[in-house]
Amino acid sequence: MDRRRVLGGLGASVALSAPAFARRAAFRFGLTPVFLDNDANVIERLRTALSDAKGDPIDLIQRRTYQEITASLLDGSVDAAWICGYPFLQHRDRLALLGVPVWRGRPQYQSYLIVRAEDQAKALADLRGGIHAFSDPNSNSGYLVTASDLARMDETPERFFSRAIFTYGHRNVVRAVADGLTRSGSVDGYVWEALASVEPSLTAPTRIVAKSEWLGFPPFAARADRASDPNVRRFGKVLRGLGASPIGREALQLLFLDGIQQGDTTLFNGIAARMAELSGR
């Protein structure tokens, strides 16, 4: 099992699916490489685990950004999607929660602010005037946390940093800092920790300056008006029971997850508070 490939690279949109004869009945599940890379081996193992448990073919549809995959969910192009707490709350009245991943024993994660290992910065305030890497404008850990921290300082990314870029992938944020393309970056702590385990040469040149509070892990969601659809409900049950089969446990292991639980929207209260701070600046 090649776990190094889980988080490597950034690719174009892909769709891996069941055989062509069964595709008309496939359940369409959306992913984004901002969070999950388009590694064909990992995606195929996840697709197979979900399809086997559901008893129906599943198409895994990948898009480049959270905006694209959220739009696909809202317009019905996909039946469910793995998104982020930030866009989930942005469209809270139109989305329903199907499950929340559990990582290291809790359905939460942190945003990390990182710099190169030799950088002397001790806090966000020390990074004024540098170049900063964000992952996606609709990412909680890769944008909202740092942007709301700056709002508390009566600052914006545009004013505070000399330049801010979007890499559209958390691994790419780490790479940008490690290679010295940017002084600092905002990255998903779950991804950074996974990389530290399987690709330590990538994270070794970086150092964590600050960690956010624990926030709701990126959830699985469906359109609210389809939440009671038997097919959607069945998919949610399959997600939450993924650890019950060997192939499901293998998929979870590849994703460095303990499992997936039902969860509830209160998990995202911290993200909601940061959204309010950002909009009120």
C-alpha atoms as a PDB file:
ATOM      1  CA  MET A   1       0.000   0.000   0.000  1.00  0.00           C
ATOM      2  CA  ASP A   2       1.563   3.272  -1.146  1.00  0.00           C
ATOM      3  CA  ARG A   3       0.411   5.890   1.346  1.00  0.00           C
ATOM      4  CA  ARG A   4       2.901   8.452   0.070  1.00  0.00           C
ATOM      5  CA  ARG A   5       0.728   9.006  -2.983  1.00  0.00           C
ATOM      6  CA  VAL A   6      -2.381  10.091  -1.072  1.00  0.00           C
ATOM      7  CA  LEU A   7      -1.452  13.748  -0.950  1.00  0.00           C
ATOM      8  CA  GLY A   8       0.936  14.139  -3.883  1.00  0.00           C
ATOM      9  CA  GLY A   9       0.488  16.675  -6.687  1.00  0.00           C
ATOM     10  CA  LEU A  10      -2.395  18.632  -8.116  1.00  0.00           C
ATOM     11  CA  GLY A  11      -4.323  17.407 -11.109  1.00  0.00           C
ATOM     12  CA  ALA A  12      -7.124  18.318 -13.454  1.00  0.00           C
ATOM     13  CA  SER A  13     -10.740  17.220 -13.003  1.00  0.00           C
ATOM     14  CA  VAL A  14     -11.213  13.480 -13.188  1.00  0.00           C
ATOM     15  CA  ALA A  15     -14.064  10.997 -12.987  1.00  0.00           C
ATOM     16  CA  LEU A  16     -13.380   7.397 -12.022  1.00  0.00           C
ATOM     17  CA  SER A  17     -16.422   5.208 -12.273  1.00  0.00           C
ATOM     18  CA  ALA A  18     -17.943   1.784 -12.514  1.00  0.00           C
ATOM     19  CA  PRO A  19     -18.033  -0.016 -15.875  1.00  0.00           C
ATOM     20  CA  ALA A  20     -19.812   1.820 -18.685  1.00  0.00           C
ATOM     21  CA  PHE A  21     -22.824  -0.495 -18.726  1.00  0.00           C
ATOM     22  CA  ALA A  22     -23.689   0.512 -15.149  1.00  0.00           C
ATOM     23  CA  ARG A  23     -22.908   4.227 -15.300  1.00  0.00           C
ATOM     24  CA  ARG A  24     -26.475   5.404 -15.827  1.00  0.00           C
ATOM     25  CA  ALA A  25     -27.381   4.234 -12.334  1.00  0.00           C
ATOM     26  CA  ALA A  26     -24.198   5.488 -10.650  1.00  0.00           C
ATOM     27  CA  PHE A  27     -24.323   7.666  -7.557  1.00  0.00           C
ATOM     28  CA  ARG A  28     -22.211  10.770  -8.193  1.00  0.00           C
ATOM     29  CA  PHE A  29     -19.861  11.696  -5.340  1.00  0.00           C
ATOM     30  CA  GLY A  30     -17.810  14.886  -5.599  1.00  0.00           C
ATOM     31  CA  LEU A  31     -14.253  15.485  -4.374  1.00  0.00           C
ATOM     32  CA  THR A  32     -11.784  18.335  -4.657  1.00  0.00           C
ATOM     33  CA  PRO A  33      -7.962  18.122  -4.849  1.00  0.00           C
ATOM     34  CA  VAL A  34      -7.782  21.101  -2.491  1.00  0.00           C
ATOM     35  CA  PHE A  35      -8.343  18.472   0.183  1.00  0.00           C
ATOM     36  CA  LEU A  36      -7.923  15.089  -1.485  1.00  0.00           C
ATOM     37  CA  ASP A  37      -5.452  14.558  -4.297  1.00  0.00           C
ATOM     38  CA  ASN A  38      -6.464  12.935  -7.567  1.00  0.00           C
ATOM     39  CA  ASP A  39      -4.211   9.911  -7.019  1.00  0.00           C
ATOM     40  CA  ALA A  40      -5.896   7.224  -9.099  1.00  0.00           C
ATOM     41  CA  ASN A  41      -5.029   4.369  -6.725  1.00  0.00           C
ATOM     42  CA  VAL A  42      -6.523   6.061  -3.659  1.00  0.00           C
ATOM     43  CA  ILE A  43      -9.611   7.260  -5.504  1.00  0.00           C
ATOM     44  CA  GLU A  44     -10.250   3.844  -6.994  1.00  0.00           C
ATOM     45  CA  ARG A  45      -9.917   2.142  -3.588  1.00  0.00           C
ATOM     46  CA  LEU A  46     -12.362   4.650  -2.079  1.00  0.00           C
ATOM     47  CA  ARG A  47     -14.783   4.201  -4.994  1.00  0.00           C
ATOM     48  CA  THR A  48     -14.617   0.426  -4.703  1.00  0.00           C
ATOM     49  CA  ALA A  49     -15.185   0.468  -0.941  1.00  0.00           C
ATOM     50  CA  LEU A  50     -18.198   2.755  -1.270  1.00  0.00           C
ATOM     51  CA  SER A  51     -19.637   0.866  -4.253  1.00  0.00           C
ATOM     52  CA  ASP A  52     -19.245  -2.533  -2.594  1.00  0.00           C
ATOM     53  CA  ALA A  53     -20.901  -1.363   0.604  1.00  0.00           C
ATOM     54  CA  LYS A  54     -23.747   0.417  -1.186  1.00  0.00           C
ATOM     55  CA  GLY A  55     -24.312  -2.348  -3.701  1.00  0.00           C
ATOM     56  CA  ASP A  56     -24.518   0.165  -6.546  1.00  0.00           C
ATOM     57  CA  PRO A  57     -21.926   1.787  -8.801  1.00  0.00           C
ATOM     58  CA  ILE A  58     -20.478   5.096  -7.635  1.00  0.00           C
ATOM     59  CA  ASP A  59     -18.786   7.729  -9.768  1.00  0.00           C
ATOM     60  CA  LEU A  60     -16.153   9.825  -8.011  1.00  0.00           C
ATOM     61  CA  ILE A  61     -16.162  13.257  -9.626  1.00  0.00           C
ATOM     62  CA  GLN A  62     -13.214  15.554  -8.966  1.00  0.00           C
ATOM     63  CA  ARG A  63     -13.089  19.290  -9.476  1.00  0.00           C
ATOM     64  CA  ARG A  64     -10.250  21.774  -8.993  1.00  0.00           C
ATOM     65  CA  THR A  65     -11.733  24.128  -6.377  1.00  0.00           C
ATOM     66  CA  TYR A  66     -14.244  24.156  -3.532  1.00  0.00           C
ATOM     67  CA  GLN A  67     -16.329  26.648  -5.498  1.00  0.00           C
ATOM     68  CA  GLU A  68     -16.606  24.247  -8.437  1.00  0.00           C
ATOM     69  CA  ILE A  69     -17.487  21.196  -6.381  1.00  0.00           C
ATOM     70  CA  THR A  70     -19.958  23.125  -4.201  1.00  0.00           C
ATOM     71  CA  ALA A  71     -21.628  24.520  -7.325  1.00  0.00           C
ATOM     72  CA  SER A  72     -21.867  20.979  -8.703  1.00  0.00           C
ATOM     73  CA  LEU A  73     -23.538  19.864  -5.493  1.00  0.00           C
ATOM     74  CA  LEU A  74     -26.007  22.741  -5.510  1.00  0.00           C
ATOM     75  CA  ASP A  75     -26.957  22.383  -9.175  1.00  0.00           C
ATOM     76  CA  GLY A  76     -27.416  18.622  -8.901  1.00  0.00           C
ATOM     77  CA  SER A  77     -24.410  17.605 -11.009  1.00  0.00           C
ATOM     78  CA  VAL A  78     -23.284  15.465  -8.056  1.00  0.00           C
ATOM     79  CA  ASP A  79     -25.467  13.748  -5.467  1.00  0.00           C
ATOM     80  CA  ALA A  80     -23.139  14.268  -2.511  1.00  0.00           C
ATOM     81  CA  ALA A  81     -19.696  15.765  -1.951  1.00  0.00           C
ATOM     82  CA  TRP A  82     -16.784  15.980   0.468  1.00  0.00           C
ATOM     83  CA  ILE A  83     -16.447  19.696   0.984  1.00  0.00           C
ATOM     84  CA  CYS A  84     -15.167  22.031   3.725  1.00  0.00           C
ATOM     85  CA  GLY A  85     -16.870  23.522   6.746  1.00  0.00           C
ATOM     86  CA  TYR A  86     -16.574  27.013   5.262  1.00  0.00           C
ATOM     87  CA  PRO A  87     -18.642  26.418   2.077  1.00  0.00           C
ATOM     88  CA  PHE A  88     -20.938  24.138   4.095  1.00  0.00           C
ATOM     89  CA  LEU A  89     -21.843  27.095   6.287  1.00  0.00           C
ATOM     90  CA  GLN A  90     -21.925  29.522   3.369  1.00  0.00           C
ATOM     91  CA  HIS A  91     -24.776  27.427   1.966  1.00  0.00           C
ATOM     92  CA  ARG A  92     -26.119  26.063   5.243  1.00  0.00           C
ATOM     93  CA  ASP A  93     -29.773  26.591   4.267  1.00  0.00           C
ATOM     94  CA  ARG A  94     -29.320  24.450   1.157  1.00  0.00           C
ATOM     95  CA  LEU A  95     -27.068  21.653   2.449  1.00  0.00           C
ATOM     96  CA  ALA A  96     -27.486  18.708   4.800  1.00  0.00           C
ATOM     97  CA  LEU A  97     -24.780  16.879   6.750  1.00  0.00           C
ATOM     98  CA  LEU A  98     -24.137  13.230   5.825  1.00  0.00           C
ATOM     99  CA  GLY A  99     -21.105  12.602   8.020  1.00  0.00           C
ATOM    100  CA  VAL A 100     -17.920  14.001   9.513  1.00  0.00           C
ATOM    101  CA  PRO A 101     -14.540  12.217   9.362  1.00  0.00           C
ATOM    102  CA  VAL A 102     -12.811  11.301  12.611  1.00  0.00           C
ATOM    103  CA  TRP A 103      -9.086  12.006  12.734  1.00  0.00           C
ATOM    104  CA  ARG A 104      -6.931  11.003  15.697  1.00  0.00           C
ATOM    105  CA  GLY A 105     -10.014  10.312  17.775  1.00  0.00           C
ATOM    106  CA  ARG A 106     -12.015  13.464  17.100  1.00  0.00           C
ATOM    107  CA  PRO A 107     -14.151  14.947  14.295  1.00  0.00           C
ATOM    108  CA  GLN A 108     -12.006  18.056  14.274  1.00  0.00           C
ATOM    109  CA  TYR A 109      -8.760  19.432  12.912  1.00  0.00           C
ATOM    110  CA  GLN A 110      -6.659  22.610  13.075  1.00  0.00           C
ATOM    111  CA  SER A 111      -5.273  25.150  10.674  1.00  0.00           C
ATOM    112  CA  TYR A 112      -1.488  25.544  10.783  1.00  0.00           C
ATOM    113  CA  LEU A 113       0.429  28.711  10.001  1.00  0.00           C
ATOM    114  CA  ILE A 114       3.812  27.612   8.664  1.00  0.00           C
ATOM    115  CA  VAL A 115       7.127  29.197   7.664  1.00  0.00           C
ATOM    116  CA  ARG A 116      10.527  27.838   6.656  1.00  0.00           C
ATOM    117  CA  ALA A 117      12.306  26.099   9.509  1.00  0.00           C
ATOM    118  CA  GLU A 118      14.983  28.787   9.847  1.00  0.00           C
ATOM    119  CA  ASP A 119      12.517  31.687   9.830  1.00  0.00           C
ATOM    120  CA  GLN A 120      12.517  33.573  13.148  1.00  0.00           C
ATOM    121  CA  ALA A 121       8.803  34.484  13.087  1.00  0.00           C
ATOM    122  CA  LYS A 122       6.965  33.639  16.299  1.00  0.00           C
ATOM    123  CA  ALA A 123       3.453  34.774  15.387  1.00  0.00           C
ATOM    124  CA  LEU A 124       1.320  35.982  12.500  1.00  0.00           C
ATOM    125  CA  ALA A 125       2.197  39.577  13.341  1.00  0.00           C
ATOM    126  CA  ASP A 126       5.841  38.858  12.472  1.00  0.00           C
ATOM    127  CA  LEU A 127       4.955  37.970   8.875  1.00  0.00           C
ATOM    128  CA  ARG A 128       3.886  41.442   7.749  1.00  0.00           C
ATOM    129  CA  GLY A 129       5.159  42.319   4.295  1.00  0.00           C
ATOM    130  CA  GLY A 130       6.007  38.755   3.251  1.00  0.00           C
ATOM    131  CA  ILE A 131       4.530  36.585   0.526  1.00  0.00           C
ATOM    132  CA  HIS A 132       1.879  34.168   1.802  1.00  0.00           C
ATOM    133  CA  ALA A 133       0.353  30.987   0.341  1.00  0.00           C
ATOM    134  CA  PHE A 134      -3.324  30.147   0.814  1.00  0.00           C
ATOM    135  CA  SER A 135      -4.864  26.938  -0.504  1.00  0.00           C
ATOM    136  CA  ASP A 136      -8.318  28.086  -1.661  1.00  0.00           C
ATOM    137  CA  PRO A 137     -10.499  31.177  -1.004  1.00  0.00           C
ATOM    138  CA  ASN A 138     -13.276  28.882   0.263  1.00  0.00           C
ATOM    139  CA  SER A 139     -11.058  26.808   2.545  1.00  0.00           C
ATOM    140  CA  ASN A 140     -11.415  27.170   6.308  1.00  0.00           C
ATOM    141  CA  SER A 141      -7.909  26.036   7.260  1.00  0.00           C
ATOM    142  CA  GLY A 142      -6.334  27.325   4.048  1.00  0.00           C
ATOM    143  CA  TYR A 143      -7.811  30.825   4.120  1.00  0.00           C
ATOM    144  CA  LEU A 144     -10.579  31.707   6.602  1.00  0.00           C
ATOM    145  CA  VAL A 145      -8.571  31.111   9.785  1.00  0.00           C
ATOM    146  CA  THR A 146      -5.706  33.393   8.772  1.00  0.00           C
ATOM    147  CA  ALA A 147      -8.012  35.975   7.199  1.00  0.00           C
ATOM    148  CA  SER A 148     -10.118  36.163  10.369  1.00  0.00           C
ATOM    149  CA  ASP A 149      -6.982  36.340  12.535  1.00  0.00           C
ATOM    150  CA  LEU A 150      -5.942  39.333  10.445  1.00  0.00           C
ATOM    151  CA  ALA A 151      -9.413  40.851  10.830  1.00  0.00           C
ATOM    152  CA  ARG A 152      -8.866  40.760  14.596  1.00  0.00           C
ATOM    153  CA  MET A 153      -5.777  42.874  13.916  1.00  0.00           C
ATOM    154  CA  ASP A 154      -7.867  45.242  11.732  1.00  0.00           C
ATOM    155  CA  GLU A 155      -5.952  43.983   8.720  1.00  0.00           C
ATOM    156  CA  THR A 156      -6.681  42.170   5.468  1.00  0.00           C
ATOM    157  CA  PRO A 157      -4.471  39.727   3.555  1.00  0.00           C
ATOM    158  CA  GLU A 158      -4.152  42.306   0.764  1.00  0.00           C
ATOM    159  CA  ARG A 159      -2.808  44.978   3.109  1.00  0.00           C
ATOM    160  CA  PHE A 160      -0.824  42.787   5.481  1.00  0.00           C
ATOM    161  CA  PHE A 161       1.099  40.640   3.016  1.00  0.00           C
ATOM    162  CA  SER A 162       3.119  42.020   0.124  1.00  0.00           C
ATOM    163  CA  ARG A 163       1.448  39.338  -1.967  1.00  0.00           C
ATOM    164  CA  ALA A 164      -0.928  36.429  -1.313  1.00  0.00           C
ATOM    165  CA  ILE A 165      -1.309  33.497  -3.711  1.00  0.00           C
ATOM    166  CA  PHE A 166      -3.740  30.575  -3.941  1.00  0.00           C
ATOM    167  CA  THR A 167      -2.138  27.202  -4.656  1.00  0.00           C
ATOM    168  CA  TYR A 168      -5.368  25.130  -4.834  1.00  0.00           C
ATOM    169  CA  GLY A 169      -3.949  22.312  -2.775  1.00  0.00           C
ATOM    170  CA  HIS A 170      -2.685  22.051   0.801  1.00  0.00           C
ATOM    171  CA  ARG A 171       0.336  20.051  -0.297  1.00  0.00           C
ATOM    172  CA  ASN A 172       1.122  22.892  -2.684  1.00  0.00           C
ATOM    173  CA  VAL A 173       1.075  25.341   0.232  1.00  0.00           C
ATOM    174  CA  VAL A 174       3.672  23.232   2.030  1.00  0.00           C
ATOM    175  CA  ARG A 175       5.718  22.991  -1.154  1.00  0.00           C
ATOM    176  CA  ALA A 176       5.599  26.764  -1.704  1.00  0.00           C
ATOM    177  CA  VAL A 177       6.951  27.432   1.799  1.00  0.00           C
ATOM    178  CA  ALA A 178       9.466  24.574   1.729  1.00  0.00           C
ATOM    179  CA  ASP A 179      10.895  25.788  -1.592  1.00  0.00           C
ATOM    180  CA  GLY A 180      11.051  29.404  -0.458  1.00  0.00           C
ATOM    181  CA  LEU A 181       8.500  30.604  -3.016  1.00  0.00           C
ATOM    182  CA  THR A 182       6.563  32.168  -0.146  1.00  0.00           C
ATOM    183  CA  ARG A 183       7.621  33.126   3.357  1.00  0.00           C
ATOM    184  CA  SER A 184       4.533  31.632   5.005  1.00  0.00           C
ATOM    185  CA  GLY A 185       1.430  29.578   4.350  1.00  0.00           C
ATOM    186  CA  SER A 186      -1.944  28.568   5.754  1.00  0.00           C
ATOM    187  CA  VAL A 187      -2.405  24.804   5.639  1.00  0.00           C
ATOM    188  CA  ASP A 188      -4.718  22.056   6.823  1.00  0.00           C
ATOM    189  CA  GLY A 189      -3.076  20.555   9.917  1.00  0.00           C
ATOM    190  CA  TYR A 190      -4.357  17.077   9.044  1.00  0.00           C
ATOM    191  CA  VAL A 191      -2.636  17.257   5.660  1.00  0.00           C
ATOM    192  CA  TRP A 192       0.610  18.652   7.145  1.00  0.00           C
ATOM    193  CA  GLU A 193       0.697  15.864   9.740  1.00  0.00           C
ATOM    194  CA  ALA A 194       0.011  13.205   7.099  1.00  0.00           C
ATOM    195  CA  LEU A 195       2.807  14.578   4.947  1.00  0.00           C
ATOM    196  CA  ALA A 196       5.119  14.644   7.960  1.00  0.00           C
ATOM    197  CA  SER A 197       4.509  10.904   8.331  1.00  0.00           C
ATOM    198  CA  VAL A 198       4.801   9.786   4.716  1.00  0.00           C
ATOM    199  CA  GLU A 199       6.913  12.488   3.087  1.00  0.00           C
ATOM    200  CA  PRO A 200       8.996  14.051   5.855  1.00  0.00           C
ATOM    201  CA  SER A 201      11.431  15.531   3.356  1.00  0.00           C
ATOM    202  CA  LEU A 202       8.657  17.896   2.276  1.00  0.00           C
ATOM    203  CA  THR A 203       7.614  19.125   5.722  1.00  0.00           C
ATOM    204  CA  ALA A 204      11.122  19.103   7.260  1.00  0.00           C
ATOM    205  CA  PRO A 205      12.073  22.501   5.753  1.00  0.00           C
ATOM    206  CA  THR A 206       8.928  24.018   7.314  1.00  0.00           C
ATOM    207  CA  ARG A 207       7.988  24.942  10.863  1.00  0.00           C
ATOM    208  CA  ILE A 208       4.619  25.493  12.528  1.00  0.00           C
ATOM    209  CA  VAL A 209       4.294  29.031  13.892  1.00  0.00           C
ATOM    210  CA  ALA A 210       0.731  28.768  15.161  1.00  0.00           C
ATOM    211  CA  LYS A 211      -2.182  26.339  15.367  1.00  0.00           C
ATOM    212  CA  SER A 212      -5.825  27.351  15.394  1.00  0.00           C
ATOM    213  CA  GLU A 213      -8.401  26.087  17.844  1.00  0.00           C
ATOM    214  CA  TRP A 214      -9.981  22.717  17.020  1.00  0.00           C
ATOM    215  CA  LEU A 215     -12.591  23.159  14.282  1.00  0.00           C
ATOM    216  CA  GLY A 216     -15.099  20.884  12.552  1.00  0.00           C
ATOM    217  CA  PHE A 217     -13.433  18.501  10.091  1.00  0.00           C
ATOM    218  CA  PRO A 218     -14.386  18.955   6.406  1.00  0.00           C
ATOM    219  CA  PRO A 219     -17.780  17.229   6.122  1.00  0.00           C
ATOM    220  CA  PHE A 220     -19.689  15.097   3.669  1.00  0.00           C
ATOM    221  CA  ALA A 221     -22.820  16.875   2.482  1.00  0.00           C
ATOM    222  CA  ALA A 222     -25.832  16.577   0.191  1.00  0.00           C
ATOM    223  CA  ARG A 223     -28.429  19.046  -0.952  1.00  0.00           C
ATOM    224  CA  ALA A 224     -30.980  19.579   1.814  1.00  0.00           C
ATOM    225  CA  ASP A 225     -33.927  18.986  -0.500  1.00  0.00           C
ATOM    226  CA  ARG A 226     -32.494  15.556  -1.341  1.00  0.00           C
ATOM    227  CA  ALA A 227     -31.472  14.522   2.183  1.00  0.00           C
ATOM    228  CA  SER A 228     -34.519  12.275   2.583  1.00  0.00           C
ATOM    229  CA  ASP A 229     -33.982  10.568  -0.794  1.00  0.00           C
ATOM    230  CA  PRO A 230     -33.424   6.838  -0.056  1.00  0.00           C
ATOM    231  CA  ASN A 231     -30.365   6.766  -2.309  1.00  0.00           C
ATOM    232  CA  VAL A 232     -28.743   9.693  -0.487  1.00  0.00           C
ATOM    233  CA  ARG A 233     -29.653   8.299   2.923  1.00  0.00           C
ATOM    234  CA  ARG A 234     -28.165   4.945   1.939  1.00  0.00           C
ATOM    235  CA  PHE A 235     -24.953   6.635   0.834  1.00  0.00           C
ATOM    236  CA  GLY A 236     -24.687   8.450   4.164  1.00  0.00           C
ATOM    237  CA  LYS A 237     -25.112   5.147   6.004  1.00  0.00           C
ATOM    238  CA  VAL A 238     -22.400   3.588   3.832  1.00  0.00           C
ATOM    239  CA  LEU A 239     -20.014   6.456   4.604  1.00  0.00           C
ATOM    240  CA  ARG A 240     -20.552   6.132   8.336  1.00  0.00           C
ATOM    241  CA  GLY A 241     -20.094   2.366   8.180  1.00  0.00           C
ATOM    242  CA  LEU A 242     -17.001   2.413   5.998  1.00  0.00           C
ATOM    243  CA  GLY A 243     -14.857   0.845   8.713  1.00  0.00           C
ATOM    244  CA  ALA A 244     -16.998  -2.289   8.835  1.00  0.00           C
ATOM    245  CA  SER A 245     -15.290  -4.000   5.882  1.00  0.00           C
ATOM    246  CA  PRO A 246     -11.630  -4.756   5.144  1.00  0.00           C
ATOM    247  CA  ILE A 247     -11.662  -2.692   1.953  1.00  0.00           C
ATOM    248  CA  GLY A 248     -13.369   0.162   3.788  1.00  0.00           C
ATOM    249  CA  ARG A 249     -10.778   0.090   6.544  1.00  0.00           C
ATOM    250  CA  GLU A 250      -8.060   0.091   3.899  1.00  0.00           C
ATOM    251  CA  ALA A 251      -9.578   3.192   2.290  1.00  0.00           C
ATOM    252  CA  LEU A 252      -9.751   4.923   5.657  1.00  0.00           C
ATOM    253  CA  GLN A 253      -6.133   3.974   6.349  1.00  0.00           C
ATOM    254  CA  LEU A 254      -5.064   5.477   3.031  1.00  0.00           C
ATOM    255  CA  LEU A 255      -6.856   8.656   4.082  1.00  0.00           C
ATOM    256  CA  PHE A 256      -5.325   8.584   7.604  1.00  0.00           C
ATOM    257  CA  LEU A 257      -8.823   8.581   9.123  1.00  0.00           C
ATOM    258  CA  ASP A 258     -10.261   6.610  12.045  1.00  0.00           C
ATOM    259  CA  GLY A 259     -13.762   6.533  10.596  1.00  0.00           C
ATOM    260  CA  ILE A 260     -16.751   8.715   9.764  1.00  0.00           C
ATOM    261  CA  GLN A 261     -19.425   9.667  12.267  1.00  0.00           C
ATOM    262  CA  GLN A 262     -22.828  11.326  11.954  1.00  0.00           C
ATOM    263  CA  GLY A 263     -21.725  14.528  13.660  1.00  0.00           C
ATOM    264  CA  ASP A 264     -23.892  17.620  13.927  1.00  0.00           C
ATOM    265  CA  THR A 265     -23.718  21.232  12.836  1.00  0.00           C
ATOM    266  CA  THR A 266     -22.508  22.451  16.235  1.00  0.00           C
ATOM    267  CA  LEU A 267     -19.091  21.091  15.249  1.00  0.00           C
ATOM    268  CA  PHE A 268     -18.843  24.064  12.891  1.00  0.00           C
ATOM    269  CA  ASN A 269     -19.713  26.786  15.411  1.00  0.00           C
ATOM    270  CA  GLY A 270     -16.078  27.871  15.566  1.00  0.00           C
ATOM    271  CA  ILE A 271     -15.973  28.286  11.795  1.00  0.00           C
ATOM    272  CA  ALA A 272     -19.239  30.248  11.926  1.00  0.00           C
ATOM    273  CA  ALA A 273     -17.715  32.572  14.532  1.00  0.00           C
ATOM    274  CA  ARG A 274     -14.703  33.199  12.308  1.00  0.00           C
ATOM    275  CA  MET A 275     -16.956  33.877   9.329  1.00  0.00           C
ATOM    276  CA  ALA A 276     -18.812  36.476  11.412  1.00  0.00           C
ATOM    277  CA  GLU A 277     -15.536  38.105  12.424  1.00  0.00           C
ATOM    278  CA  LEU A 278     -14.367  38.274   8.834  1.00  0.00           C
ATOM    279  CA  SER A 279     -17.624  39.720   7.497  1.00  0.00           C
ATOM    280  CA  GLY A 280     -17.752  42.254  10.334  1.00  0.00           C
ATOM    281  CA  ARG A 281     -14.279  43.680   9.890  1.00  0.00           C
END
